[in-house]
Amino acid sequence: SVELAANAEFRKGAKISIRGLVGSQTASTASLALTGTDVALMPNAVWNKDTGTIVVTLNEIYNPYGSKRITFSFTLINPCSCHLSQNISVNVSDALFKVIDSYACEVVNFTESVVTNWTE
């Protein structure tokens, strides 16, 4: 699960990229299902296995002065072997305002559920 806090308003269509989720066995896809969303997001995200990046798209205007934070969940398959954790970064791209800032949104809470995928 991911919970983000923002200090700027984002328009419908703004893209939130989370980088640093490397090592997953989940194949790259343009339709990674999202669940548990507070703010209206498109139901699917773009996942890039090689870069460890997930991109979610807002489906409505996000107002940071309201009580809602941007929260959502998704499922990735853990690697078969241990690897060093990476720094997770967040960027927001809002084409209407030409905003591409990492300071506009920060990770408040990132919960990793451990699911082991055994292959014999």
PDB file of N, CA and C in Angstrom:
ATOM      1  N   SER A   1       0.841  -1.183   0.000  1.00  0.00           N
ATOM      2  CA  SER A   1       0.000   0.000   0.000  1.00  0.00           C
ATOM      3  C   SER A   1       0.876   1.233   0.000  1.00  0.00           C
ATOM      4  N   VAL A   2       0.389   2.269  -0.624  1.00  0.00           N
ATOM      5  CA  VAL A   2       1.110   3.535  -0.709  1.00  0.00           C
ATOM      6  C   VAL A   2       0.184   4.641  -0.220  1.00  0.00           C
ATOM      7  N   GLU A   3       0.719   5.550   0.572  1.00  0.00           N
ATOM      8  CA  GLU A   3      -0.014   6.734   1.008  1.00  0.00           C
ATOM      9  C   GLU A   3       0.872   7.937   0.729  1.00  0.00           C
ATOM     10  N   LEU A   4       0.361   8.879  -0.052  1.00  0.00           N
ATOM     11  CA  LEU A   4       1.126  10.053  -0.451  1.00  0.00           C
ATOM     12  C   LEU A   4       0.468  11.320   0.062  1.00  0.00           C
ATOM     13  N   ALA A   5       1.287  12.282   0.438  1.00  0.00           N
ATOM     14  CA  ALA A   5       0.804  13.607   0.821  1.00  0.00           C
ATOM     15  C   ALA A   5       1.382  14.600  -0.188  1.00  0.00           C
ATOM     16  N   ALA A   6       0.565  15.511  -0.648  1.00  0.00           N
ATOM     17  CA  ALA A   6       1.009  16.484  -1.641  1.00  0.00           C
ATOM     18  C   ALA A   6       0.829  17.898  -1.101  1.00  0.00           C
ATOM     19  N   ASN A   7       1.625  18.830  -1.625  1.00  0.00           N
ATOM     20  CA  ASN A   7       1.483  20.229  -1.248  1.00  0.00           C
ATOM     21  C   ASN A   7       1.093  21.094  -2.439  1.00  0.00           C
ATOM     22  N   ALA A   8       0.568  20.455  -3.476  1.00  0.00           N
ATOM     23  CA  ALA A   8       0.133  21.169  -4.670  1.00  0.00           C
ATOM     24  C   ALA A   8      -1.115  20.488  -5.226  1.00  0.00           C
ATOM     25  N   GLU A   9      -1.946  21.274  -5.909  1.00  0.00           N
ATOM     26  CA  GLU A   9      -3.130  20.708  -6.563  1.00  0.00           C
ATOM     27  C   GLU A   9      -2.691  20.078  -7.875  1.00  0.00           C
ATOM     28  N   PHE A  10      -3.246  18.900  -8.170  1.00  0.00           N
ATOM     29  CA  PHE A  10      -2.953  18.226  -9.427  1.00  0.00           C
ATOM     30  C   PHE A  10      -4.226  18.085 -10.232  1.00  0.00           C
ATOM     31  N   ARG A  11      -4.122  18.263 -11.518  1.00  0.00           N
ATOM     32  CA  ARG A  11      -5.262  18.180 -12.429  1.00  0.00           C
ATOM     33  C   ARG A  11      -5.545  16.738 -12.818  1.00  0.00           C
ATOM     34  N   LYS A  12      -6.751  16.519 -13.329  1.00  0.00           N
ATOM     35  CA  LYS A  12      -7.109  15.225 -13.896  1.00  0.00           C
ATOM     36  C   LYS A  12      -6.098  14.900 -14.992  1.00  0.00           C
ATOM     37  N   GLY A  13      -5.602  13.677 -14.983  1.00  0.00           N
ATOM     38  CA  GLY A  13      -4.618  13.262 -15.972  1.00  0.00           C
ATOM     39  C   GLY A  13      -3.180  13.368 -15.494  1.00  0.00           C
ATOM     40  N   ALA A  14      -2.957  13.987 -14.330  1.00  0.00           N
ATOM     41  CA  ALA A  14      -1.599  14.065 -13.789  1.00  0.00           C
ATOM     42  C   ALA A  14      -1.089  12.653 -13.513  1.00  0.00           C
ATOM     43  N   LYS A  15       0.192  12.450 -13.724  1.00  0.00           N
ATOM     44  CA  LYS A  15       0.793  11.129 -13.544  1.00  0.00           C
ATOM     45  C   LYS A  15       1.740  11.149 -12.344  1.00  0.00           C
ATOM     46  N   ILE A  16       1.565  10.159 -11.462  1.00  0.00           N
ATOM     47  CA  ILE A  16       2.410  10.008 -10.282  1.00  0.00           C
ATOM     48  C   ILE A  16       3.285   8.788 -10.511  1.00  0.00           C
ATOM     49  N   SER A  17       4.598   8.992 -10.502  1.00  0.00           N
ATOM     50  CA  SER A  17       5.558   7.907 -10.724  1.00  0.00           C
ATOM     51  C   SER A  17       6.270   7.578  -9.426  1.00  0.00           C
ATOM     52  N   ILE A  18       6.307   6.298  -9.096  1.00  0.00           N
ATOM     53  CA  ILE A  18       7.053   5.826  -7.935  1.00  0.00           C
ATOM     54  C   ILE A  18       8.164   4.935  -8.466  1.00  0.00           C
ATOM     55  N   ARG A  19       9.410   5.317  -8.148  1.00  0.00           N
ATOM     56  CA  ARG A  19      10.582   4.600  -8.654  1.00  0.00           C
ATOM     57  C   ARG A  19      11.329   3.933  -7.509  1.00  0.00           C
ATOM     58  N   GLY A  20      12.037   2.857  -7.825  1.00  0.00           N
ATOM     59  CA  GLY A  20      12.865   2.187  -6.838  1.00  0.00           C
ATOM     60  C   GLY A  20      12.319   0.851  -6.383  1.00  0.00           C
ATOM     61  N   LEU A  21      11.278   0.374  -7.041  1.00  0.00           N
ATOM     62  CA  LEU A  21      10.661  -0.911  -6.674  1.00  0.00           C
ATOM     63  C   LEU A  21      11.295  -2.031  -7.494  1.00  0.00           C
ATOM     64  N   VAL A  22      12.596  -2.134  -7.424  1.00  0.00           N
ATOM     65  CA  VAL A  22      13.342  -3.064  -8.278  1.00  0.00           C
ATOM     66  C   VAL A  22      13.362  -4.478  -7.709  1.00  0.00           C
ATOM     67  N   GLY A  23      13.596  -5.440  -8.598  1.00  0.00           N
ATOM     68  CA  GLY A  23      13.746  -6.824  -8.191  1.00  0.00           C
ATOM     69  C   GLY A  23      12.492  -7.670  -8.280  1.00  0.00           C
ATOM     70  N   SER A  24      11.382  -7.091  -8.662  1.00  0.00           N
ATOM     71  CA  SER A  24      10.131  -7.839  -8.734  1.00  0.00           C
ATOM     72  C   SER A  24      10.161  -8.854  -9.878  1.00  0.00           C
ATOM     73  N   GLN A  25       9.390  -9.905  -9.718  1.00  0.00           N
ATOM     74  CA  GLN A  25       9.221 -10.881 -10.796  1.00  0.00           C
ATOM     75  C   GLN A  25       8.006 -10.560 -11.668  1.00  0.00           C
ATOM     76  N   THR A  26       7.238  -9.545 -11.305  1.00  0.00           N
ATOM     77  CA  THR A  26       6.060  -9.165 -12.081  1.00  0.00           C
ATOM     78  C   THR A  26       6.489  -8.560 -13.411  1.00  0.00           C
ATOM     79  N   ALA A  27       5.976  -9.095 -14.504  1.00  0.00           N
ATOM     80  CA  ALA A  27       6.324  -8.603 -15.843  1.00  0.00           C
ATOM     81  C   ALA A  27       5.790  -7.190 -16.054  1.00  0.00           C
ATOM     82  N   SER A  28       6.479  -6.430 -16.885  1.00  0.00           N
ATOM     83  CA  SER A  28       6.014  -5.094 -17.247  1.00  0.00           C
ATOM     84  C   SER A  28       4.630  -5.184 -17.867  1.00  0.00           C
ATOM     85  N   THR A  29       3.783  -4.209 -17.554  1.00  0.00           N
ATOM     86  CA  THR A  29       2.417  -4.200 -18.084  1.00  0.00           C
ATOM     87  C   THR A  29       1.855  -2.780 -18.061  1.00  0.00           C
ATOM     88  N   ALA A  30       0.918  -2.520 -18.951  1.00  0.00           N
ATOM     89  CA  ALA A  30       0.204  -1.239 -18.963  1.00  0.00           C
ATOM     90  C   ALA A  30      -1.091  -1.330 -18.180  1.00  0.00           C
ATOM     91  N   SER A  31      -1.335  -2.487 -17.529  1.00  0.00           N
ATOM     92  CA  SER A  31      -2.613  -2.664 -16.836  1.00  0.00           C
ATOM     93  C   SER A  31      -2.447  -3.373 -15.484  1.00  0.00           C
ATOM     94  N   LEU A  32      -1.592  -2.823 -14.631  1.00  0.00           N
ATOM     95  CA  LEU A  32      -1.430  -3.348 -13.278  1.00  0.00           C
ATOM     96  C   LEU A  32      -2.594  -2.827 -12.429  1.00  0.00           C
ATOM     97  N   ALA A  33      -3.395  -3.726 -11.886  1.00  0.00           N
ATOM     98  CA  ALA A  33      -4.608  -3.344 -11.151  1.00  0.00           C
ATOM     99  C   ALA A  33      -4.279  -2.591  -9.870  1.00  0.00           C
ATOM    100  N   LEU A  34      -5.040  -1.521  -9.625  1.00  0.00           N
ATOM    101  CA  LEU A  34      -4.944  -0.749  -8.384  1.00  0.00           C
ATOM    102  C   LEU A  34      -6.170  -1.036  -7.539  1.00  0.00           C
ATOM    103  N   THR A  35      -5.993  -1.076  -6.229  1.00  0.00           N
ATOM    104  CA  THR A  35      -7.121  -1.274  -5.313  1.00  0.00           C
ATOM    105  C   THR A  35      -6.992  -0.290  -4.166  1.00  0.00           C
ATOM    106  N   GLY A  36      -8.060  -0.173  -3.406  1.00  0.00           N
ATOM    107  CA  GLY A  36      -8.047   0.629  -2.183  1.00  0.00           C
ATOM    108  C   GLY A  36      -7.744   2.091  -2.386  1.00  0.00           C
ATOM    109  N   THR A  37      -8.245   2.686  -3.445  1.00  0.00           N
ATOM    110  CA  THR A  37      -7.940   4.089  -3.717  1.00  0.00           C
ATOM    111  C   THR A  37      -8.900   5.022  -2.993  1.00  0.00           C
ATOM    112  N   ASP A  38      -8.349   6.088  -2.380  1.00  0.00           N
ATOM    113  CA  ASP A  38      -9.163   7.140  -1.756  1.00  0.00           C
ATOM    114  C   ASP A  38      -9.522   8.212  -2.776  1.00  0.00           C
ATOM    115  N   VAL A  39      -8.531   8.603  -3.546  1.00  0.00           N
ATOM    116  CA  VAL A  39      -8.694   9.624  -4.574  1.00  0.00           C
ATOM    117  C   VAL A  39      -8.984   8.892  -5.877  1.00  0.00           C
ATOM    118  N   ALA A  40      -9.795   9.497  -6.743  1.00  0.00           N
ATOM    119  CA  ALA A  40     -10.140   8.830  -8.006  1.00  0.00           C
ATOM    120  C   ALA A  40      -8.912   8.705  -8.895  1.00  0.00           C
ATOM    121  N   LEU A  41      -8.461   7.478  -9.043  1.00  0.00           N
ATOM    122  CA  LEU A  41      -7.354   7.150  -9.928  1.00  0.00           C
ATOM    123  C   LEU A  41      -7.886   6.273 -11.051  1.00  0.00           C
ATOM    124  N   MET A  42      -7.173   6.241 -12.152  1.00  0.00           N
ATOM    125  CA  MET A  42      -7.506   5.275 -13.189  1.00  0.00           C
ATOM    126  C   MET A  42      -7.354   3.896 -12.558  1.00  0.00           C
ATOM    127  N   PRO A  43      -8.171   2.908 -12.941  1.00  0.00           N
ATOM    128  CA  PRO A  43      -8.154   1.612 -12.260  1.00  0.00           C
ATOM    129  C   PRO A  43      -6.881   0.796 -12.463  1.00  0.00           C
ATOM    130  N   ASN A  44      -6.101   1.132 -13.476  1.00  0.00           N
ATOM    131  CA  ASN A  44      -4.869   0.393 -13.763  1.00  0.00           C
ATOM    132  C   ASN A  44      -3.682   1.344 -13.843  1.00  0.00           C
ATOM    133  N   ALA A  45      -2.523   0.834 -13.473  1.00  0.00           N
ATOM    134  CA  ALA A  45      -1.288   1.604 -13.547  1.00  0.00           C
ATOM    135  C   ALA A  45      -0.366   0.984 -14.582  1.00  0.00           C
ATOM    136  N   VAL A  46       0.654   1.716 -14.962  1.00  0.00           N
ATOM    137  CA  VAL A  46       1.689   1.203 -15.850  1.00  0.00           C
ATOM    138  C   VAL A  46       2.847   0.745 -14.966  1.00  0.00           C
ATOM    139  N   TRP A  47       3.285  -0.504 -15.137  1.00  0.00           N
ATOM    140  CA  TRP A  47       4.386  -1.069 -14.367  1.00  0.00           C
ATOM    141  C   TRP A  47       5.534  -1.387 -15.301  1.00  0.00           C
ATOM    142  N   ASN A  48       6.751  -0.921 -14.950  1.00  0.00           N
ATOM    143  CA  ASN A  48       7.945  -1.226 -15.723  1.00  0.00           C
ATOM    144  C   ASN A  48       8.899  -2.015 -14.832  1.00  0.00           C
ATOM    145  N   LYS A  49       9.028  -3.300 -15.102  1.00  0.00           N
ATOM    146  CA  LYS A  49       9.862  -4.197 -14.296  1.00  0.00           C
ATOM    147  C   LYS A  49      11.327  -3.776 -14.321  1.00  0.00           C
ATOM    148  N   ASP A  50      11.839  -3.399 -15.499  1.00  0.00           N
ATOM    149  CA  ASP A  50      13.260  -3.086 -15.655  1.00  0.00           C
ATOM    150  C   ASP A  50      13.691  -1.880 -14.815  1.00  0.00           C
ATOM    151  N   THR A  51      12.840  -0.878 -14.722  1.00  0.00           N
ATOM    152  CA  THR A  51      13.188   0.325 -13.961  1.00  0.00           C
ATOM    153  C   THR A  51      12.599   0.322 -12.551  1.00  0.00           C
ATOM    154  N   GLY A  52      11.699  -0.641 -12.266  1.00  0.00           N
ATOM    155  CA  GLY A  52      11.053  -0.678 -10.952  1.00  0.00           C
ATOM    156  C   GLY A  52      10.154   0.517 -10.721  1.00  0.00           C
ATOM    157  N   THR A  53       9.424   0.905 -11.768  1.00  0.00           N
ATOM    158  CA  THR A  53       8.597   2.114 -11.716  1.00  0.00           C
ATOM    159  C   THR A  53       7.132   1.788 -11.960  1.00  0.00           C
ATOM    160  N   ILE A  54       6.268   2.355 -11.113  1.00  0.00           N
ATOM    161  CA  ILE A  54       4.833   2.277 -11.324  1.00  0.00           C
ATOM    162  C   ILE A  54       4.332   3.699 -11.566  1.00  0.00           C
ATOM    163  N   VAL A  55       3.440   3.857 -12.543  1.00  0.00           N
ATOM    164  CA  VAL A  55       2.876   5.171 -12.865  1.00  0.00           C
ATOM    165  C   VAL A  55       1.365   5.080 -12.750  1.00  0.00           C
ATOM    166  N   VAL A  56       0.798   5.891 -11.860  1.00  0.00           N
ATOM    167  CA  VAL A  56      -0.654   5.954 -11.703  1.00  0.00           C
ATOM    168  C   VAL A  56      -1.137   7.294 -12.239  1.00  0.00           C
ATOM    169  N   THR A  57      -2.386   7.325 -12.716  1.00  0.00           N
ATOM    170  CA  THR A  57      -2.947   8.527 -13.326  1.00  0.00           C
ATOM    171  C   THR A  57      -4.185   8.966 -12.559  1.00  0.00           C
ATOM    172  N   LEU A  58      -4.225  10.263 -12.215  1.00  0.00           N
ATOM    173  CA  LEU A  58      -5.398  10.809 -11.531  1.00  0.00           C
ATOM    174  C   LEU A  58      -6.579  10.868 -12.484  1.00  0.00           C
ATOM    175  N   ASN A  59      -7.754  10.512 -11.972  1.00  0.00           N
ATOM    176  CA  ASN A  59      -8.967  10.540 -12.775  1.00  0.00           C
ATOM    177  C   ASN A  59      -9.857  11.722 -12.397  1.00  0.00           C
ATOM    178  N   GLU A  60      -9.377  12.566 -11.496  1.00  0.00           N
ATOM    179  CA  GLU A  60     -10.088  13.789 -11.112  1.00  0.00           C
ATOM    180  C   GLU A  60      -9.056  14.756 -10.540  1.00  0.00           C
ATOM    181  N   ILE A  61      -9.460  15.983 -10.307  1.00  0.00           N
ATOM    182  CA  ILE A  61      -8.569  16.963  -9.681  1.00  0.00           C
ATOM    183  C   ILE A  61      -8.286  16.529  -8.250  1.00  0.00           C
ATOM    184  N   TYR A  62      -7.028  16.657  -7.838  1.00  0.00           N
ATOM    185  CA  TYR A  62      -6.653  16.357  -6.450  1.00  0.00           C
ATOM    186  C   TYR A  62      -6.388  17.668  -5.728  1.00  0.00           C
ATOM    187  N   ASN A  63      -7.126  17.890  -4.639  1.00  0.00           N
ATOM    188  CA  ASN A  63      -6.981  19.091  -3.835  1.00  0.00           C
ATOM    189  C   ASN A  63      -6.262  18.728  -2.534  1.00  0.00           C
ATOM    190  N   PRO A  64      -5.031  19.200  -2.323  1.00  0.00           N
ATOM    191  CA  PRO A  64      -4.280  18.817  -1.126  1.00  0.00           C
ATOM    192  C   PRO A  64      -4.823  19.442   0.155  1.00  0.00           C
ATOM    193  N   TYR A  65      -5.714  20.415   0.014  1.00  0.00           N
ATOM    194  CA  TYR A  65      -6.235  21.104   1.187  1.00  0.00           C
ATOM    195  C   TYR A  65      -7.460  20.413   1.763  1.00  0.00           C
ATOM    196  N   GLY A  66      -7.921  19.369   1.094  1.00  0.00           N
ATOM    197  CA  GLY A  66      -9.002  18.545   1.625  1.00  0.00           C
ATOM    198  C   GLY A  66      -8.413  17.547   2.609  1.00  0.00           C
ATOM    199  N   SER A  67      -9.222  16.633   3.063  1.00  0.00           N
ATOM    200  CA  SER A  67      -8.759  15.679   4.075  1.00  0.00           C
ATOM    201  C   SER A  67      -8.177  14.397   3.466  1.00  0.00           C
ATOM    202  N   LYS A  68      -8.282  14.230   2.166  1.00  0.00           N
ATOM    203  CA  LYS A  68      -7.837  12.984   1.544  1.00  0.00           C
ATOM    204  C   LYS A  68      -6.366  13.027   1.163  1.00  0.00           C
ATOM    205  N   ARG A  69      -5.702  11.922   1.403  1.00  0.00           N
ATOM    206  CA  ARG A  69      -4.363  11.712   0.875  1.00  0.00           C
ATOM    207  C   ARG A  69      -4.516  10.763  -0.304  1.00  0.00           C
ATOM    208  N   ILE A  70      -3.491  10.668  -1.106  1.00  0.00           N
ATOM    209  CA  ILE A  70      -3.525   9.766  -2.250  1.00  0.00           C
ATOM    210  C   ILE A  70      -3.067   8.398  -1.763  1.00  0.00           C
ATOM    211  N   THR A  71      -3.990   7.451  -1.694  1.00  0.00           N
ATOM    212  CA  THR A  71      -3.655   6.103  -1.231  1.00  0.00           C
ATOM    213  C   THR A  71      -4.105   5.074  -2.265  1.00  0.00           C
ATOM    214  N   PHE A  72      -3.318   4.018  -2.401  1.00  0.00           N
ATOM    215  CA  PHE A  72      -3.684   2.933  -3.295  1.00  0.00           C
ATOM    216  C   PHE A  72      -2.813   1.729  -2.985  1.00  0.00           C
ATOM    217  N   SER A  73      -3.245   0.577  -3.474  1.00  0.00           N
ATOM    218  CA  SER A  73      -2.501  -0.669  -3.304  1.00  0.00           C
ATOM    219  C   SER A  73      -2.338  -1.341  -4.653  1.00  0.00           C
ATOM    220  N   PHE A  74      -1.299  -2.163  -4.746  1.00  0.00           N
ATOM    221  CA  PHE A  74      -1.057  -2.955  -5.948  1.00  0.00           C
ATOM    222  C   PHE A  74      -0.256  -4.175  -5.530  1.00  0.00           C
ATOM    223  N   THR A  75      -0.197  -5.164  -6.390  1.00  0.00           N
ATOM    224  CA  THR A  75       0.499  -6.407  -6.062  1.00  0.00           C
ATOM    225  C   THR A  75       1.645  -6.647  -7.027  1.00  0.00           C
ATOM    226  N   LEU A  76       2.832  -6.901  -6.452  1.00  0.00           N
ATOM    227  CA  LEU A  76       4.005  -7.303  -7.219  1.00  0.00           C
ATOM    228  C   LEU A  76       4.516  -8.612  -6.632  1.00  0.00           C
ATOM    229  N   ILE A  77       5.096  -9.450  -7.466  1.00  0.00           N
ATOM    230  CA  ILE A  77       5.656 -10.722  -6.994  1.00  0.00           C
ATOM    231  C   ILE A  77       7.097 -10.485  -6.559  1.00  0.00           C
ATOM    232  N   ASN A  78       7.393 -10.890  -5.323  1.00  0.00           N
ATOM    233  CA  ASN A  78       8.742 -10.724  -4.783  1.00  0.00           C
ATOM    234  C   ASN A  78       9.756 -11.542  -5.561  1.00  0.00           C
ATOM    235  N   PRO A  79      11.039 -11.129  -5.484  1.00  0.00           N
ATOM    236  CA  PRO A  79      12.081 -11.898  -6.161  1.00  0.00           C
ATOM    237  C   PRO A  79      12.317 -13.230  -5.456  1.00  0.00           C
ATOM    238  N   CYS A  80      12.965 -14.151  -6.169  1.00  0.00           N
ATOM    239  CA  CYS A  80      13.278 -15.467  -5.591  1.00  0.00           C
ATOM    240  C   CYS A  80      14.387 -15.383  -4.558  1.00  0.00           C
ATOM    241  N   SER A  81      15.240 -14.386  -4.660  1.00  0.00           N
ATOM    242  CA  SER A  81      16.346 -14.248  -3.722  1.00  0.00           C
ATOM    243  C   SER A  81      16.345 -12.850  -3.115  1.00  0.00           C
ATOM    244  N   CYS A  82      17.052 -12.710  -2.011  1.00  0.00           N
ATOM    245  CA  CYS A  82      17.138 -11.417  -1.332  1.00  0.00           C
ATOM    246  C   CYS A  82      17.914 -10.421  -2.186  1.00  0.00           C
ATOM    247  N   HIS A  83      17.560  -9.159  -2.016  1.00  0.00           N
ATOM    248  CA  HIS A  83      18.315  -8.089  -2.656  1.00  0.00           C
ATOM    249  C   HIS A  83      18.271  -6.874  -1.739  1.00  0.00           C
ATOM    250  N   LEU A  84      19.201  -5.958  -1.939  1.00  0.00           N
ATOM    251  CA  LEU A  84      19.251  -4.757  -1.118  1.00  0.00           C
ATOM    252  C   LEU A  84      18.060  -3.865  -1.435  1.00  0.00           C
ATOM    253  N   SER A  85      17.487  -3.275  -0.389  1.00  0.00           N
ATOM    254  CA  SER A  85      16.373  -2.362  -0.623  1.00  0.00           C
ATOM    255  C   SER A  85      16.883  -1.104  -1.309  1.00  0.00           C
ATOM    256  N   GLN A  86      16.018  -0.486  -2.054  1.00  0.00           N
ATOM    257  CA  GLN A  86      16.363   0.706  -2.820  1.00  0.00           C
ATOM    258  C   GLN A  86      15.663   1.925  -2.229  1.00  0.00           C
ATOM    259  N   ASN A  87      16.176   3.101  -2.562  1.00  0.00           N
ATOM    260  CA  ASN A  87      15.479   4.326  -2.201  1.00  0.00           C
ATOM    261  C   ASN A  87      14.263   4.459  -3.102  1.00  0.00           C
ATOM    262  N   ILE A  88      13.141   4.808  -2.510  1.00  0.00           N
ATOM    263  CA  ILE A  88      11.913   5.004  -3.272  1.00  0.00           C
ATOM    264  C   ILE A  88      11.731   6.499  -3.483  1.00  0.00           C
ATOM    265  N   SER A  89      11.474   6.890  -4.730  1.00  0.00           N
ATOM    266  CA  SER A  89      11.243   8.305  -5.027  1.00  0.00           C
ATOM    267  C   SER A  89       9.912   8.476  -5.742  1.00  0.00           C
ATOM    268  N   VAL A  90       9.343   9.665  -5.598  1.00  0.00           N
ATOM    269  CA  VAL A  90       8.048   9.978  -6.201  1.00  0.00           C
ATOM    270  C   VAL A  90       8.188  11.248  -7.027  1.00  0.00           C
ATOM    271  N   ASN A  91       7.664  11.214  -8.247  1.00  0.00           N
ATOM    272  CA  ASN A  91       7.597  12.399  -9.096  1.00  0.00           C
ATOM    273  C   ASN A  91       6.176  12.541  -9.607  1.00  0.00           C
ATOM    274  N   VAL A  92       5.761  13.791  -9.796  1.00  0.00           N
ATOM    275  CA  VAL A  92       4.433  14.073 -10.349  1.00  0.00           C
ATOM    276  C   VAL A  92       4.600  14.880 -11.622  1.00  0.00           C
ATOM    277  N   SER A  93       3.894  14.465 -12.672  1.00  0.00           N
ATOM    278  CA  SER A  93       3.911  15.179 -13.935  1.00  0.00           C
ATOM    279  C   SER A  93       2.495  15.629 -14.250  1.00  0.00           C
ATOM    280  N   ASP A  94       2.276  16.945 -14.224  1.00  0.00           N
ATOM    281  CA  ASP A  94       0.967  17.524 -14.545  1.00  0.00           C
ATOM    282  C   ASP A  94       1.163  18.364 -15.797  1.00  0.00           C
ATOM    283  N   ALA A  95       0.772  17.819 -16.941  1.00  0.00           N
ATOM    284  CA  ALA A  95       1.038  18.443 -18.241  1.00  0.00           C
ATOM    285  C   ALA A  95       0.423  19.838 -18.370  1.00  0.00           C
ATOM    286  N   LEU A  96      -0.717  20.098 -17.724  1.00  0.00           N
ATOM    287  CA  LEU A  96      -1.356  21.402 -17.845  1.00  0.00           C
ATOM    288  C   LEU A  96      -0.504  22.512 -17.261  1.00  0.00           C
ATOM    289  N   PHE A  97       0.221  22.194 -16.196  1.00  0.00           N
ATOM    290  CA  PHE A  97       1.039  23.213 -15.548  1.00  0.00           C
ATOM    291  C   PHE A  97       2.528  23.004 -15.751  1.00  0.00           C
ATOM    292  N   LYS A  98       2.881  21.996 -16.524  1.00  0.00           N
ATOM    293  CA  LYS A  98       4.277  21.663 -16.771  1.00  0.00           C
ATOM    294  C   LYS A  98       5.032  21.448 -15.461  1.00  0.00           C
ATOM    295  N   VAL A  99       4.363  20.803 -14.512  1.00  0.00           N
ATOM    296  CA  VAL A  99       4.976  20.509 -13.217  1.00  0.00           C
ATOM    297  C   VAL A  99       5.593  19.121 -13.276  1.00  0.00           C
ATOM    298  N   ILE A 100       6.845  19.046 -12.948  1.00  0.00           N
ATOM    299  CA  ILE A 100       7.498  17.750 -12.763  1.00  0.00           C
ATOM    300  C   ILE A 100       8.392  17.934 -11.542  1.00  0.00           C
ATOM    301  N   ASP A 101       7.865  17.651 -10.378  1.00  0.00           N
ATOM    302  CA  ASP A 101       8.578  17.914  -9.140  1.00  0.00           C
ATOM    303  C   ASP A 101       8.550  16.728  -8.218  1.00  0.00           C
ATOM    304  N   SER A 102       9.677  16.464  -7.585  1.00  0.00           N
ATOM    305  CA  SER A 102       9.696  15.414  -6.578  1.00  0.00           C
ATOM    306  C   SER A 102       9.308  15.970  -5.217  1.00  0.00           C
ATOM    307  N   TYR A 103       9.395  17.283  -5.024  1.00  0.00           N
ATOM    308  CA  TYR A 103       9.027  17.871  -3.738  1.00  0.00           C
ATOM    309  C   TYR A 103       7.530  18.071  -3.593  1.00  0.00           C
ATOM    310  N   ALA A 104       6.783  17.970  -4.674  1.00  0.00           N
ATOM    311  CA  ALA A 104       5.347  18.224  -4.620  1.00  0.00           C
ATOM    312  C   ALA A 104       4.573  17.074  -3.994  1.00  0.00           C
ATOM    313  N   CYS A 105       5.189  15.943  -3.848  1.00  0.00           N
ATOM    314  CA  CYS A 105       4.513  14.777  -3.310  1.00  0.00           C
ATOM    315  C   CYS A 105       5.530  13.937  -2.557  1.00  0.00           C
ATOM    316  N   GLU A 106       5.175  13.471  -1.368  1.00  0.00           N
ATOM    317  CA  GLU A 106       6.106  12.647  -0.615  1.00  0.00           C
ATOM    318  C   GLU A 106       5.425  11.383  -0.129  1.00  0.00           C
ATOM    319  N   VAL A 107       6.209  10.339   0.016  1.00  0.00           N
ATOM    320  CA  VAL A 107       5.691   9.080   0.530  1.00  0.00           C
ATOM    321  C   VAL A 107       5.497   9.238   2.025  1.00  0.00           C
ATOM    322  N   VAL A 108       4.259   9.086   2.485  1.00  0.00           N
ATOM    323  CA  VAL A 108       3.947   9.162   3.902  1.00  0.00           C
ATOM    324  C   VAL A 108       4.017   7.785   4.509  1.00  0.00           C
ATOM    325  N   ASN A 109       3.518   6.793   3.781  1.00  0.00           N
ATOM    326  CA  ASN A 109       3.492   5.433   4.299  1.00  0.00           C
ATOM    327  C   ASN A 109       3.568   4.470   3.123  1.00  0.00           C
ATOM    328  N   PHE A 110       4.495   3.542   3.200  1.00  0.00           N
ATOM    329  CA  PHE A 110       4.617   2.506   2.171  1.00  0.00           C
ATOM    330  C   PHE A 110       4.650   1.182   2.902  1.00  0.00           C
ATOM    331  N   THR A 111       3.645   0.363   2.689  1.00  0.00           N
ATOM    332  CA  THR A 111       3.543  -0.917   3.373  1.00  0.00           C
ATOM    333  C   THR A 111       3.825  -2.031   2.390  1.00  0.00           C
ATOM    334  N   GLU A 112       4.787  -2.877   2.736  1.00  0.00           N
ATOM    335  CA  GLU A 112       5.132  -3.995   1.859  1.00  0.00           C
ATOM    336  C   GLU A 112       4.604  -5.276   2.493  1.00  0.00           C
ATOM    337  N   SER A 113       3.680  -5.891   1.813  1.00  0.00           N
ATOM    338  CA  SER A 113       3.180  -7.193   2.250  1.00  0.00           C
ATOM    339  C   SER A 113       4.059  -8.262   1.619  1.00  0.00           C
ATOM    340  N   VAL A 114       4.570  -9.129   2.425  1.00  0.00           N
ATOM    341  CA  VAL A 114       5.485 -10.149   1.910  1.00  0.00           C
ATOM    342  C   VAL A 114       4.690 -11.362   1.455  1.00  0.00           C
ATOM    343  N   VAL A 115       4.815 -11.663   0.189  1.00  0.00           N
ATOM    344  CA  VAL A 115       4.207 -12.857  -0.377  1.00  0.00           C
ATOM    345  C   VAL A 115       5.333 -13.619  -1.059  1.00  0.00           C
ATOM    346  N   THR A 116       5.563 -14.813  -0.626  1.00  0.00           N
ATOM    347  CA  THR A 116       6.655 -15.609  -1.184  1.00  0.00           C
ATOM    348  C   THR A 116       6.117 -16.480  -2.309  1.00  0.00           C
ATOM    349  N   ASN A 117       6.805 -16.467  -3.411  1.00  0.00           N
ATOM    350  CA  ASN A 117       6.428 -17.259  -4.581  1.00  0.00           C
ATOM    351  C   ASN A 117       7.440 -18.389  -4.708  1.00  0.00           C
ATOM    352  N   TRP A 118       7.056 -19.580  -4.265  1.00  0.00           N
ATOM    353  CA  TRP A 118       7.956 -20.730  -4.306  1.00  0.00           C
ATOM    354  C   TRP A 118       7.807 -21.469  -5.621  1.00  0.00           C
ATOM    355  N   THR A 119       8.940 -21.807  -6.221  1.00  0.00           N
ATOM    356  CA  THR A 119       8.945 -22.614  -7.431  1.00  0.00           C
ATOM    357  C   THR A 119       9.864 -23.816  -7.168  1.00  0.00           C
ATOM    358  N   GLU A 120       9.372 -25.004  -7.433  1.00  0.00           N
ATOM    359  CA  GLU A 120      10.207 -26.195  -7.236  1.00  0.00           C
ATOM    360  C   GLU A 120      10.317 -26.978  -8.511  1.00  0.00           C
TER     361      GLU A 120
END
